[in-house]
Amino acid sequence: GYLTAEQMNAVAEYLDLPTIQIYEIATFYSMFQTKEVGRNEVAICTNISCMLRGADEIVNHVEDKLGIKIGESTKNGRVFLKQEEECIAACCGAPAMMVNHKYYENLTKEQVDQILDDLD
């Protein structure tokens, strides 16, 4: 679920690259995690299209429902609420979110509740 320093060092050695280059990649891309996080990744788009269609309300609702803030995991390790996503390229279906890399669009609070309740 996440990259350890030992793993990143091993990749750098294997590819014969400076370790910093591997760390830069691992911390730049939102698909990589460098600390232990919940097993289900939830990313809510907060870019302009989604924001104008209620993404802020969705974020607040999810934070309240899960009892965590953006960037945190639930205490039971079930859900990781990723840092706010700049864009997930689902503007026509705003507001949108990705859960474990699956897209959900035209979200309502009720739909979000169902999606989160169905997670393992």
PDB file of N, CA and C in Angstrom:
ATOM      1  N   GLY A   1       0.786  -1.213   0.000  1.00  0.00           N
ATOM      2  CA  GLY A   1       0.000   0.000   0.000  1.00  0.00           C
ATOM      3  C   GLY A   1       0.829   1.279   0.000  1.00  0.00           C
ATOM      4  N   TYR A   2       2.124   1.177   0.301  1.00  0.00           N
ATOM      5  CA  TYR A   2       2.954   2.387   0.289  1.00  0.00           C
ATOM      6  C   TYR A   2       4.408   2.013   0.058  1.00  0.00           C
ATOM      7  N   LEU A   3       5.192   2.995  -0.370  1.00  0.00           N
ATOM      8  CA  LEU A   3       6.612   2.790  -0.643  1.00  0.00           C
ATOM      9  C   LEU A   3       7.434   3.160   0.590  1.00  0.00           C
ATOM     10  N   THR A   4       8.264   2.232   1.013  1.00  0.00           N
ATOM     11  CA  THR A   4       9.154   2.518   2.138  1.00  0.00           C
ATOM     12  C   THR A   4      10.449   3.127   1.601  1.00  0.00           C
ATOM     13  N   ALA A   5      11.210   3.736   2.481  1.00  0.00           N
ATOM     14  CA  ALA A   5      12.513   4.283   2.088  1.00  0.00           C
ATOM     15  C   ALA A   5      13.411   3.166   1.569  1.00  0.00           C
ATOM     16  N   GLU A   6      13.344   2.004   2.200  1.00  0.00           N
ATOM     17  CA  GLU A   6      14.156   0.861   1.766  1.00  0.00           C
ATOM     18  C   GLU A   6      13.804   0.459   0.331  1.00  0.00           C
ATOM     19  N   GLN A   7      12.532   0.432   0.003  1.00  0.00           N
ATOM     20  CA  GLN A   7      12.109   0.071  -1.352  1.00  0.00           C
ATOM     21  C   GLN A   7      12.566   1.116  -2.375  1.00  0.00           C
ATOM     22  N   MET A   8      12.398   2.387  -2.024  1.00  0.00           N
ATOM     23  CA  MET A   8      12.819   3.441  -2.952  1.00  0.00           C
ATOM     24  C   MET A   8      14.333   3.411  -3.166  1.00  0.00           C
ATOM     25  N   ASN A   9      15.078   3.148  -2.115  1.00  0.00           N
ATOM     26  CA  ASN A   9      16.534   3.032  -2.240  1.00  0.00           C
ATOM     27  C   ASN A   9      16.909   1.868  -3.145  1.00  0.00           C
ATOM     28  N   ALA A  10      16.196   0.762  -3.023  1.00  0.00           N
ATOM     29  CA  ALA A  10      16.476  -0.415  -3.856  1.00  0.00           C
ATOM     30  C   ALA A  10      16.176  -0.126  -5.327  1.00  0.00           C
ATOM     31  N   VAL A  11      15.108   0.607  -5.596  1.00  0.00           N
ATOM     32  CA  VAL A  11      14.781   0.974  -6.980  1.00  0.00           C
ATOM     33  C   VAL A  11      15.875   1.872  -7.550  1.00  0.00           C
ATOM     34  N   ALA A  12      16.310   2.838  -6.761  1.00  0.00           N
ATOM     35  CA  ALA A  12      17.380   3.737  -7.218  1.00  0.00           C
ATOM     36  C   ALA A  12      18.641   2.947  -7.554  1.00  0.00           C
ATOM     37  N   GLU A  13      18.976   2.012  -6.693  1.00  0.00           N
ATOM     38  CA  GLU A  13      20.164   1.200  -6.941  1.00  0.00           C
ATOM     39  C   GLU A  13      19.990   0.344  -8.200  1.00  0.00           C
ATOM     40  N   TYR A  14      18.840  -0.283  -8.337  1.00  0.00           N
ATOM     41  CA  TYR A  14      18.566  -1.153  -9.487  1.00  0.00           C
ATOM     42  C   TYR A  14      18.625  -0.370 -10.801  1.00  0.00           C
ATOM     43  N   LEU A  15      18.074   0.849 -10.798  1.00  0.00           N
ATOM     44  CA  LEU A  15      18.053   1.672 -12.012  1.00  0.00           C
ATOM     45  C   LEU A  15      19.309   2.520 -12.185  1.00  0.00           C
ATOM     46  N   ASP A  16      20.202   2.442 -11.207  1.00  0.00           N
ATOM     47  CA  ASP A  16      21.439   3.224 -11.221  1.00  0.00           C
ATOM     48  C   ASP A  16      21.137   4.718 -11.344  1.00  0.00           C
ATOM     49  N   LEU A  17      20.210   5.171 -10.500  1.00  0.00           N
ATOM     50  CA  LEU A  17      19.821   6.583 -10.457  1.00  0.00           C
ATOM     51  C   LEU A  17      20.093   7.138  -9.068  1.00  0.00           C
ATOM     52  N   PRO A  18      20.278   8.449  -8.981  1.00  0.00           N
ATOM     53  CA  PRO A  18      20.401   9.050  -7.646  1.00  0.00           C
ATOM     54  C   PRO A  18      19.114   8.806  -6.848  1.00  0.00           C
ATOM     55  N   THR A  19      19.255   8.483  -5.599  1.00  0.00           N
ATOM     56  CA  THR A  19      18.103   8.190  -4.740  1.00  0.00           C
ATOM     57  C   THR A  19      17.095   9.335  -4.759  1.00  0.00           C
ATOM     58  N   ILE A  20      17.564  10.557  -4.802  1.00  0.00           N
ATOM     59  CA  ILE A  20      16.660  11.707  -4.770  1.00  0.00           C
ATOM     60  C   ILE A  20      15.686  11.685  -5.941  1.00  0.00           C
ATOM     61  N   GLN A  21      16.100  11.191  -7.090  1.00  0.00           N
ATOM     62  CA  GLN A  21      15.196  11.141  -8.237  1.00  0.00           C
ATOM     63  C   GLN A  21      14.010  10.212  -7.963  1.00  0.00           C
ATOM     64  N   ILE A  22      14.257   9.106  -7.307  1.00  0.00           N
ATOM     65  CA  ILE A  22      13.179   8.176  -6.975  1.00  0.00           C
ATOM     66  C   ILE A  22      12.260   8.810  -5.932  1.00  0.00           C
ATOM     67  N   TYR A  23      12.831   9.477  -4.943  1.00  0.00           N
ATOM     68  CA  TYR A  23      12.024  10.156  -3.926  1.00  0.00           C
ATOM     69  C   TYR A  23      11.172  11.257  -4.557  1.00  0.00           C
ATOM     70  N   GLU A  24      11.744  11.989  -5.497  1.00  0.00           N
ATOM     71  CA  GLU A  24      10.993  13.058  -6.176  1.00  0.00           C
ATOM     72  C   GLU A  24       9.776  12.491  -6.896  1.00  0.00           C
ATOM     73  N   ILE A  25       9.964  11.394  -7.610  1.00  0.00           N
ATOM     74  CA  ILE A  25       8.859  10.769  -8.338  1.00  0.00           C
ATOM     75  C   ILE A  25       7.805  10.251  -7.362  1.00  0.00           C
ATOM     76  N   ALA A  26       8.244   9.572  -6.325  1.00  0.00           N
ATOM     77  CA  ALA A  26       7.321   8.967  -5.363  1.00  0.00           C
ATOM     78  C   ALA A  26       6.486  10.017  -4.630  1.00  0.00           C
ATOM     79  N   THR A  27       7.051  11.198  -4.410  1.00  0.00           N
ATOM     80  CA  THR A  27       6.306  12.228  -3.681  1.00  0.00           C
ATOM     81  C   THR A  27       5.538  13.170  -4.609  1.00  0.00           C
ATOM     82  N   PHE A  28       5.858  13.162  -5.891  1.00  0.00           N
ATOM     83  CA  PHE A  28       5.171  14.050  -6.835  1.00  0.00           C
ATOM     84  C   PHE A  28       3.830  13.478  -7.286  1.00  0.00           C
ATOM     85  N   TYR A  29       3.817  12.217  -7.647  1.00  0.00           N
ATOM     86  CA  TYR A  29       2.612  11.603  -8.205  1.00  0.00           C
ATOM     87  C   TYR A  29       1.680  11.113  -7.102  1.00  0.00           C
ATOM     88  N   SER A  30       0.401  11.482  -7.226  1.00  0.00           N
ATOM     89  CA  SER A  30      -0.561  11.143  -6.183  1.00  0.00           C
ATOM     90  C   SER A  30      -0.899   9.653  -6.126  1.00  0.00           C
ATOM     91  N   MET A  31      -0.465   8.887  -7.114  1.00  0.00           N
ATOM     92  CA  MET A  31      -0.750   7.443  -7.092  1.00  0.00           C
ATOM     93  C   MET A  31       0.191   6.703  -6.145  1.00  0.00           C
ATOM     94  N   PHE A  32       1.273   7.331  -5.737  1.00  0.00           N
ATOM     95  CA  PHE A  32       2.221   6.709  -4.815  1.00  0.00           C
ATOM     96  C   PHE A  32       2.030   7.281  -3.417  1.00  0.00           C
ATOM     97  N   GLN A  33       2.145   6.423  -2.429  1.00  0.00           N
ATOM     98  CA  GLN A  33       2.091   6.841  -1.029  1.00  0.00           C
ATOM     99  C   GLN A  33       3.429   6.498  -0.386  1.00  0.00           C
ATOM    100  N   THR A  34       3.919   7.366   0.472  1.00  0.00           N
ATOM    101  CA  THR A  34       5.198   7.130   1.133  1.00  0.00           C
ATOM    102  C   THR A  34       5.029   6.956   2.643  1.00  0.00           C
ATOM    103  N   LYS A  35       3.804   6.741   3.072  1.00  0.00           N
ATOM    104  CA  LYS A  35       3.517   6.415   4.468  1.00  0.00           C
ATOM    105  C   LYS A  35       2.340   5.451   4.460  1.00  0.00           C
ATOM    106  N   GLU A  36       2.197   4.725   5.527  1.00  0.00           N
ATOM    107  CA  GLU A  36       1.101   3.759   5.625  1.00  0.00           C
ATOM    108  C   GLU A  36      -0.233   4.498   5.614  1.00  0.00           C
ATOM    109  N   VAL A  37      -1.145   4.020   4.787  1.00  0.00           N
ATOM    110  CA  VAL A  37      -2.468   4.647   4.647  1.00  0.00           C
ATOM    111  C   VAL A  37      -3.538   3.563   4.644  1.00  0.00           C
ATOM    112  N   GLY A  38      -4.801   4.005   4.735  1.00  0.00           N
ATOM    113  CA  GLY A  38      -5.917   3.070   4.683  1.00  0.00           C
ATOM    114  C   GLY A  38      -5.947   2.307   3.371  1.00  0.00           C
ATOM    115  N   ARG A  39      -6.595   1.130   3.386  1.00  0.00           N
ATOM    116  CA  ARG A  39      -6.550   0.243   2.212  1.00  0.00           C
ATOM    117  C   ARG A  39      -7.418   0.708   1.057  1.00  0.00           C
ATOM    118  N   ASN A  40      -8.434   1.529   1.288  1.00  0.00           N
ATOM    119  CA  ASN A  40      -9.274   2.079   0.221  1.00  0.00           C
ATOM    120  C   ASN A  40      -8.950   3.552   0.042  1.00  0.00           C
ATOM    121  N   GLU A  41      -8.515   3.923  -1.169  1.00  0.00           N
ATOM    122  CA  GLU A  41      -8.136   5.314  -1.437  1.00  0.00           C
ATOM    123  C   GLU A  41      -9.310   6.069  -2.050  1.00  0.00           C
ATOM    124  N   VAL A  42      -9.697   7.146  -1.389  1.00  0.00           N
ATOM    125  CA  VAL A  42     -10.792   8.001  -1.852  1.00  0.00           C
ATOM    126  C   VAL A  42     -10.206   9.357  -2.216  1.00  0.00           C
ATOM    127  N   ALA A  43     -10.425   9.769  -3.469  1.00  0.00           N
ATOM    128  CA  ALA A  43      -9.921  11.059  -3.957  1.00  0.00           C
ATOM    129  C   ALA A  43     -11.089  11.859  -4.507  1.00  0.00           C
ATOM    130  N   ILE A  44     -11.369  12.984  -3.897  1.00  0.00           N
ATOM    131  CA  ILE A  44     -12.474  13.842  -4.333  1.00  0.00           C
ATOM    132  C   ILE A  44     -11.903  15.006  -5.115  1.00  0.00           C
ATOM    133  N   CYS A  45     -12.382  15.174  -6.344  1.00  0.00           N
ATOM    134  CA  CYS A  45     -11.914  16.275  -7.176  1.00  0.00           C
ATOM    135  C   CYS A  45     -12.443  17.594  -6.617  1.00  0.00           C
ATOM    136  N   THR A  46     -11.557  18.579  -6.519  1.00  0.00           N
ATOM    137  CA  THR A  46     -11.951  19.904  -6.034  1.00  0.00           C
ATOM    138  C   THR A  46     -11.587  21.000  -7.028  1.00  0.00           C
ATOM    139  N   ASN A  47     -11.360  20.615  -8.284  1.00  0.00           N
ATOM    140  CA  ASN A  47     -11.058  21.603  -9.309  1.00  0.00           C
ATOM    141  C   ASN A  47     -12.310  22.425  -9.608  1.00  0.00           C
ATOM    142  N   ILE A  48     -12.195  23.405 -10.451  1.00  0.00           N
ATOM    143  CA  ILE A  48     -13.244  24.401 -10.651  1.00  0.00           C
ATOM    144  C   ILE A  48     -14.594  23.802 -11.044  1.00  0.00           C
ATOM    145  N   SER A  49     -14.627  22.871 -11.986  1.00  0.00           N
ATOM    146  CA  SER A  49     -15.906  22.294 -12.411  1.00  0.00           C
ATOM    147  C   SER A  49     -16.584  21.577 -11.257  1.00  0.00           C
ATOM    148  N   CYS A  50     -15.826  20.773 -10.548  1.00  0.00           N
ATOM    149  CA  CYS A  50     -16.399  20.049  -9.419  1.00  0.00           C
ATOM    150  C   CYS A  50     -16.757  20.987  -8.270  1.00  0.00           C
ATOM    151  N   MET A  51     -15.898  21.973  -8.028  1.00  0.00           N
ATOM    152  CA  MET A  51     -16.171  22.926  -6.963  1.00  0.00           C
ATOM    153  C   MET A  51     -17.481  23.666  -7.216  1.00  0.00           C
ATOM    154  N   LEU A  52     -17.682  24.095  -8.471  1.00  0.00           N
ATOM    155  CA  LEU A  52     -18.910  24.827  -8.803  1.00  0.00           C
ATOM    156  C   LEU A  52     -20.166  23.963  -8.685  1.00  0.00           C
ATOM    157  N   ARG A  53     -19.985  22.644  -8.732  1.00  0.00           N
ATOM    158  CA  ARG A  53     -21.125  21.726  -8.657  1.00  0.00           C
ATOM    159  C   ARG A  53     -21.216  21.023  -7.303  1.00  0.00           C
ATOM    160  N   GLY A  54     -20.538  21.564  -6.273  1.00  0.00           N
ATOM    161  CA  GLY A  54     -20.744  21.069  -4.912  1.00  0.00           C
ATOM    162  C   GLY A  54     -19.672  20.182  -4.319  1.00  0.00           C
ATOM    163  N   ALA A  55     -18.483  20.162  -4.883  1.00  0.00           N
ATOM    164  CA  ALA A  55     -17.422  19.308  -4.349  1.00  0.00           C
ATOM    165  C   ALA A  55     -17.077  19.653  -2.902  1.00  0.00           C
ATOM    166  N   ASP A  56     -17.100  20.927  -2.552  1.00  0.00           N
ATOM    167  CA  ASP A  56     -16.779  21.307  -1.173  1.00  0.00           C
ATOM    168  C   ASP A  56     -17.760  20.670  -0.192  1.00  0.00           C
ATOM    169  N   GLU A  57     -19.024  20.613  -0.572  1.00  0.00           N
ATOM    170  CA  GLU A  57     -20.028  19.961   0.279  1.00  0.00           C
ATOM    171  C   GLU A  57     -19.759  18.460   0.389  1.00  0.00           C
ATOM    172  N   ILE A  58     -19.349  17.849  -0.719  1.00  0.00           N
ATOM    173  CA  ILE A  58     -19.024  16.428  -0.715  1.00  0.00           C
ATOM    174  C   ILE A  58     -17.825  16.167   0.202  1.00  0.00           C
ATOM    175  N   VAL A  59     -16.791  16.986   0.096  1.00  0.00           N
ATOM    176  CA  VAL A  59     -15.608  16.834   0.953  1.00  0.00           C
ATOM    177  C   VAL A  59     -16.019  16.947   2.418  1.00  0.00           C
ATOM    178  N   ASN A  60     -16.771  17.974   2.760  1.00  0.00           N
ATOM    179  CA  ASN A  60     -17.207  18.158   4.149  1.00  0.00           C
ATOM    180  C   ASN A  60     -18.036  16.972   4.634  1.00  0.00           C
ATOM    181  N   HIS A  61     -18.908  16.483   3.774  1.00  0.00           N
ATOM    182  CA  HIS A  61     -19.758  15.344   4.126  1.00  0.00           C
ATOM    183  C   HIS A  61     -18.914  14.094   4.396  1.00  0.00           C
ATOM    184  N   VAL A  62     -17.953  13.820   3.524  1.00  0.00           N
ATOM    185  CA  VAL A  62     -17.095  12.638   3.687  1.00  0.00           C
ATOM    186  C   VAL A  62     -16.244  12.771   4.953  1.00  0.00           C
ATOM    187  N   GLU A  63     -15.680  13.939   5.187  1.00  0.00           N
ATOM    188  CA  GLU A  63     -14.891  14.148   6.404  1.00  0.00           C
ATOM    189  C   GLU A  63     -15.736  13.899   7.650  1.00  0.00           C
ATOM    190  N   ASP A  64     -16.953  14.419   7.646  1.00  0.00           N
ATOM    191  CA  ASP A  64     -17.850  14.222   8.798  1.00  0.00           C
ATOM    192  C   ASP A  64     -18.229  12.748   8.948  1.00  0.00           C
ATOM    193  N   LYS A  65     -18.552  12.105   7.851  1.00  0.00           N
ATOM    194  CA  LYS A  65     -18.977  10.698   7.882  1.00  0.00           C
ATOM    195  C   LYS A  65     -17.854   9.800   8.407  1.00  0.00           C
ATOM    196  N   LEU A  66     -16.630  10.026   7.934  1.00  0.00           N
ATOM    197  CA  LEU A  66     -15.513   9.170   8.298  1.00  0.00           C
ATOM    198  C   LEU A  66     -14.799   9.606   9.578  1.00  0.00           C
ATOM    199  N   GLY A  67     -15.029  10.839  10.002  1.00  0.00           N
ATOM    200  CA  GLY A  67     -14.371  11.350  11.199  1.00  0.00           C
ATOM    201  C   GLY A  67     -12.893  11.646  10.982  1.00  0.00           C
ATOM    202  N   ILE A  68     -12.534  11.955   9.747  1.00  0.00           N
ATOM    203  CA  ILE A  68     -11.146  12.287   9.416  1.00  0.00           C
ATOM    204  C   ILE A  68     -11.130  13.511   8.500  1.00  0.00           C
ATOM    205  N   LYS A  69      -9.954  14.047   8.283  1.00  0.00           N
ATOM    206  CA  LYS A  69      -9.763  15.169   7.371  1.00  0.00           C
ATOM    207  C   LYS A  69      -9.003  14.695   6.136  1.00  0.00           C
ATOM    208  N   ILE A  70      -9.019  15.534   5.104  1.00  0.00           N
ATOM    209  CA  ILE A  70      -8.258  15.248   3.897  1.00  0.00           C
ATOM    210  C   ILE A  70      -6.816  14.919   4.276  1.00  0.00           C
ATOM    211  N   GLY A  71      -6.266  13.854   3.691  1.00  0.00           N
ATOM    212  CA  GLY A  71      -4.894  13.446   3.964  1.00  0.00           C
ATOM    213  C   GLY A  71      -4.757  12.452   5.101  1.00  0.00           C
ATOM    214  N   GLU A  72      -5.880  12.056   5.716  1.00  0.00           N
ATOM    215  CA  GLU A  72      -5.836  11.136   6.841  1.00  0.00           C
ATOM    216  C   GLU A  72      -6.496   9.806   6.492  1.00  0.00           C
ATOM    217  N   SER A  73      -6.235   8.821   7.330  1.00  0.00           N
ATOM    218  CA  SER A  73      -6.867   7.509   7.215  1.00  0.00           C
ATOM    219  C   SER A  73      -7.749   7.278   8.439  1.00  0.00           C
ATOM    220  N   THR A  74      -8.774   6.462   8.259  1.00  0.00           N
ATOM    221  CA  THR A  74      -9.617   6.110   9.400  1.00  0.00           C
ATOM    222  C   THR A  74      -8.807   5.269  10.381  1.00  0.00           C
ATOM    223  N   LYS A  75      -9.195   5.299  11.641  1.00  0.00           N
ATOM    224  CA  LYS A  75      -8.444   4.580  12.676  1.00  0.00           C
ATOM    225  C   LYS A  75      -8.394   3.082  12.416  1.00  0.00           C
ATOM    226  N   ASN A  76      -9.445   2.545  11.791  1.00  0.00           N
ATOM    227  CA  ASN A  76      -9.469   1.107  11.521  1.00  0.00           C
ATOM    228  C   ASN A  76      -8.710   0.742  10.234  1.00  0.00           C
ATOM    229  N   GLY A  77      -8.126   1.742   9.554  1.00  0.00           N
ATOM    230  CA  GLY A  77      -7.339   1.500   8.353  1.00  0.00           C
ATOM    231  C   GLY A  77      -8.164   1.157   7.120  1.00  0.00           C
ATOM    232  N   ARG A  78      -9.456   1.422   7.178  1.00  0.00           N
ATOM    233  CA  ARG A  78     -10.353   1.065   6.075  1.00  0.00           C
ATOM    234  C   ARG A  78     -10.295   2.052   4.929  1.00  0.00           C
ATOM    235  N   VAL A  79     -10.191   3.361   5.234  1.00  0.00           N
ATOM    236  CA  VAL A  79     -10.276   4.394   4.197  1.00  0.00           C
ATOM    237  C   VAL A  79      -9.165   5.417   4.367  1.00  0.00           C
ATOM    238  N   PHE A  80      -8.550   5.771   3.240  1.00  0.00           N
ATOM    239  CA  PHE A  80      -7.594   6.869   3.176  1.00  0.00           C
ATOM    240  C   PHE A  80      -8.216   7.946   2.308  1.00  0.00           C
ATOM    241  N   LEU A  81      -8.431   9.120   2.879  1.00  0.00           N
ATOM    242  CA  LEU A  81      -8.990  10.259   2.161  1.00  0.00           C
ATOM    243  C   LEU A  81      -7.816  11.076   1.642  1.00  0.00           C
ATOM    244  N   LYS A  82      -7.493  10.857   0.373  1.00  0.00           N
ATOM    245  CA  LYS A  82      -6.301  11.447  -0.228  1.00  0.00           C
ATOM    246  C   LYS A  82      -6.346  12.970  -0.204  1.00  0.00           C
ATOM    247  N   GLN A  83      -5.164  13.552  -0.315  1.00  0.00           N
ATOM    248  CA  GLN A  83      -5.077  15.012  -0.445  1.00  0.00           C
ATOM    249  C   GLN A  83      -5.981  15.449  -1.581  1.00  0.00           C
ATOM    250  N   GLU A  84      -6.491  16.642  -1.484  1.00  0.00           N
ATOM    251  CA  GLU A  84      -7.409  17.131  -2.513  1.00  0.00           C
ATOM    252  C   GLU A  84      -6.800  16.979  -3.898  1.00  0.00           C
ATOM    253  N   GLU A  85      -7.570  16.416  -4.790  1.00  0.00           N
ATOM    254  CA  GLU A  85      -7.119  16.210  -6.157  1.00  0.00           C
ATOM    255  C   GLU A  85      -7.414  17.463  -6.967  1.00  0.00           C
ATOM    256  N   GLU A  86      -6.443  17.906  -7.712  1.00  0.00           N
ATOM    257  CA  GLU A  86      -6.618  19.095  -8.543  1.00  0.00           C
ATOM    258  C   GLU A  86      -7.619  18.828  -9.657  1.00  0.00           C
ATOM    259  N   CYS A  87      -7.532  17.671 -10.278  1.00  0.00           N
ATOM    260  CA  CYS A  87      -8.466  17.330 -11.351  1.00  0.00           C
ATOM    261  C   CYS A  87      -8.358  15.832 -11.617  1.00  0.00           C
ATOM    262  N   ILE A  88      -9.503  15.182 -11.795  1.00  0.00           N
ATOM    263  CA  ILE A  88      -9.479  13.767 -12.160  1.00  0.00           C
ATOM    264  C   ILE A  88     -10.073  13.560 -13.556  1.00  0.00           C
ATOM    265  N   ALA A  89     -10.186  14.661 -14.312  1.00  0.00           N
ATOM    266  CA  ALA A  89     -10.620  14.621 -15.715  1.00  0.00           C
ATOM    267  C   ALA A  89     -12.019  14.048 -15.885  1.00  0.00           C
ATOM    268  N   ALA A  90     -12.920  14.452 -15.000  1.00  0.00           N
ATOM    269  CA  ALA A  90     -14.312  14.026 -15.098  1.00  0.00           C
ATOM    270  C   ALA A  90     -15.224  15.253 -15.016  1.00  0.00           C
ATOM    271  N   CYS A  91     -14.811  16.325 -15.655  1.00  0.00           N
ATOM    272  CA  CYS A  91     -15.491  17.612 -15.533  1.00  0.00           C
ATOM    273  C   CYS A  91     -16.964  17.564 -15.959  1.00  0.00           C
ATOM    274  N   CYS A  92     -17.263  16.775 -16.965  1.00  0.00           N
ATOM    275  CA  CYS A  92     -18.662  16.687 -17.431  1.00  0.00           C
ATOM    276  C   CYS A  92     -19.558  16.001 -16.416  1.00  0.00           C
ATOM    277  N   GLY A  93     -18.963  15.256 -15.493  1.00  0.00           N
ATOM    278  CA  GLY A  93     -19.744  14.542 -14.489  1.00  0.00           C
ATOM    279  C   GLY A  93     -19.545  15.090 -13.090  1.00  0.00           C
ATOM    280  N   ALA A  94     -19.231  16.339 -12.982  1.00  0.00           N
ATOM    281  CA  ALA A  94     -18.958  16.955 -11.687  1.00  0.00           C
ATOM    282  C   ALA A  94     -20.217  17.007 -10.819  1.00  0.00           C
ATOM    283  N   PRO A  95     -20.033  16.882  -9.494  1.00  0.00           N
ATOM    284  CA  PRO A  95     -18.809  16.579  -8.765  1.00  0.00           C
ATOM    285  C   PRO A  95     -18.451  15.099  -8.903  1.00  0.00           C
ATOM    286  N   ALA A  96     -17.162  14.831  -8.833  1.00  0.00           N
ATOM    287  CA  ALA A  96     -16.670  13.481  -9.080  1.00  0.00           C
ATOM    288  C   ALA A  96     -15.618  13.088  -8.054  1.00  0.00           C
ATOM    289  N   MET A  97     -15.459  11.771  -7.915  1.00  0.00           N
ATOM    290  CA  MET A  97     -14.403  11.246  -7.054  1.00  0.00           C
ATOM    291  C   MET A  97     -13.952   9.901  -7.603  1.00  0.00           C
ATOM    292  N   MET A  98     -12.756   9.509  -7.190  1.00  0.00           N
ATOM    293  CA  MET A  98     -12.224   8.187  -7.519  1.00  0.00           C
ATOM    294  C   MET A  98     -12.090   7.404  -6.218  1.00  0.00           C
ATOM    295  N   VAL A  99     -12.509   6.159  -6.272  1.00  0.00           N
ATOM    296  CA  VAL A  99     -12.329   5.258  -5.146  1.00  0.00           C
ATOM    297  C   VAL A  99     -11.595   4.043  -5.686  1.00  0.00           C
ATOM    298  N   ASN A 100     -10.369   3.861  -5.216  1.00  0.00           N
ATOM    299  CA  ASN A 100      -9.526   2.768  -5.705  1.00  0.00           C
ATOM    300  C   ASN A 100      -9.434   2.787  -7.230  1.00  0.00           C
ATOM    301  N   HIS A 101      -9.288   3.980  -7.786  1.00  0.00           N
ATOM    302  CA  HIS A 101      -9.107   4.232  -9.220  1.00  0.00           C
ATOM    303  C   HIS A 101     -10.362   3.972 -10.053  1.00  0.00           C
ATOM    304  N   LYS A 102     -11.508   3.866  -9.417  1.00  0.00           N
ATOM    305  CA  LYS A 102     -12.782   3.761 -10.129  1.00  0.00           C
ATOM    306  C   LYS A 102     -13.502   5.099  -9.997  1.00  0.00           C
ATOM    307  N   TYR A 103     -13.996   5.613 -11.143  1.00  0.00           N
ATOM    308  CA  TYR A 103     -14.639   6.921 -11.169  1.00  0.00           C
ATOM    309  C   TYR A 103     -16.104   6.851 -10.753  1.00  0.00           C
ATOM    310  N   TYR A 104     -16.527   7.882 -10.023  1.00  0.00           N
ATOM    311  CA  TYR A 104     -17.934   8.081  -9.671  1.00  0.00           C
ATOM    312  C   TYR A 104     -18.252   9.540  -9.983  1.00  0.00           C
ATOM    313  N   GLU A 105     -19.314   9.759 -10.717  1.00  0.00           N
ATOM    314  CA  GLU A 105     -19.636  11.115 -11.174  1.00  0.00           C
ATOM    315  C   GLU A 105     -21.052  11.518 -10.778  1.00  0.00           C
ATOM    316  N   ASN A 106     -21.333  12.826 -10.941  1.00  0.00           N
ATOM    317  CA  ASN A 106     -22.639  13.406 -10.611  1.00  0.00           C
ATOM    318  C   ASN A 106     -23.072  12.999  -9.212  1.00  0.00           C
ATOM    319  N   LEU A 107     -22.154  13.147  -8.277  1.00  0.00           N
ATOM    320  CA  LEU A 107     -22.348  12.660  -6.921  1.00  0.00           C
ATOM    321  C   LEU A 107     -23.379  13.438  -6.121  1.00  0.00           C
ATOM    322  N   THR A 108     -24.089  12.698  -5.296  1.00  0.00           N
ATOM    323  CA  THR A 108     -24.926  13.269  -4.253  1.00  0.00           C
ATOM    324  C   THR A 108     -24.399  12.713  -2.925  1.00  0.00           C
ATOM    325  N   LYS A 109     -24.790  13.296  -1.830  1.00  0.00           N
ATOM    326  CA  LYS A 109     -24.350  12.802  -0.524  1.00  0.00           C
ATOM    327  C   LYS A 109     -24.832  11.370  -0.300  1.00  0.00           C
ATOM    328  N   GLU A 110     -26.019  11.073  -0.775  1.00  0.00           N
ATOM    329  CA  GLU A 110     -26.571   9.726  -0.618  1.00  0.00           C
ATOM    330  C   GLU A 110     -25.746   8.696  -1.406  1.00  0.00           C
ATOM    331  N   GLN A 111     -25.347   9.063  -2.618  1.00  0.00           N
ATOM    332  CA  GLN A 111     -24.517   8.162  -3.419  1.00  0.00           C
ATOM    333  C   GLN A 111     -23.162   7.943  -2.753  1.00  0.00           C
ATOM    334  N   VAL A 112     -22.585   9.008  -2.245  1.00  0.00           N
ATOM    335  CA  VAL A 112     -21.298   8.908  -1.548  1.00  0.00           C
ATOM    336  C   VAL A 112     -21.419   7.975  -0.354  1.00  0.00           C
ATOM    337  N   ASP A 113     -22.484   8.119   0.431  1.00  0.00           N
ATOM    338  CA  ASP A 113     -22.687   7.233   1.582  1.00  0.00           C
ATOM    339  C   ASP A 113     -22.722   5.784   1.142  1.00  0.00           C
ATOM    340  N   GLN A 114     -23.450   5.494   0.076  1.00  0.00           N
ATOM    341  CA  GLN A 114     -23.559   4.111  -0.412  1.00  0.00           C
ATOM    342  C   GLN A 114     -22.204   3.579  -0.877  1.00  0.00           C
ATOM    343  N   ILE A 115     -21.460   4.389  -1.605  1.00  0.00           N
ATOM    344  CA  ILE A 115     -20.139   3.984  -2.090  1.00  0.00           C
ATOM    345  C   ILE A 115     -19.211   3.672  -0.917  1.00  0.00           C
ATOM    346  N   LEU A 116     -19.182   4.554   0.062  1.00  0.00           N
ATOM    347  CA  LEU A 116     -18.297   4.356   1.217  1.00  0.00           C
ATOM    348  C   LEU A 116     -18.749   3.170   2.074  1.00  0.00           C
ATOM    349  N   ASP A 117     -20.057   3.000   2.225  1.00  0.00           N
ATOM    350  CA  ASP A 117     -20.584   1.892   3.042  1.00  0.00           C
ATOM    351  C   ASP A 117     -20.288   0.543   2.400  1.00  0.00           C
ATOM    352  N   ASP A 118     -20.152   0.500   1.073  1.00  0.00           N
ATOM    353  CA  ASP A 118     -19.900  -0.755   0.364  1.00  0.00           C
ATOM    354  C   ASP A 118     -18.427  -1.160   0.327  1.00  0.00           C
ATOM    355  N   LEU A 119     -17.536  -0.315   0.841  1.00  0.00           N
ATOM    356  CA  LEU A 119     -16.107  -0.647   0.832  1.00  0.00           C
ATOM    357  C   LEU A 119     -15.794  -1.740   1.833  1.00  0.00           C
ATOM    358  N   ASP A 120     -14.793  -2.571   1.511  1.00  0.00           N
ATOM    359  CA  ASP A 120     -14.357  -3.636   2.436  1.00  0.00           C
ATOM    360  C   ASP A 120     -13.702  -3.046   3.644  1.00  0.00           C
TER     361      ASP A 120
END
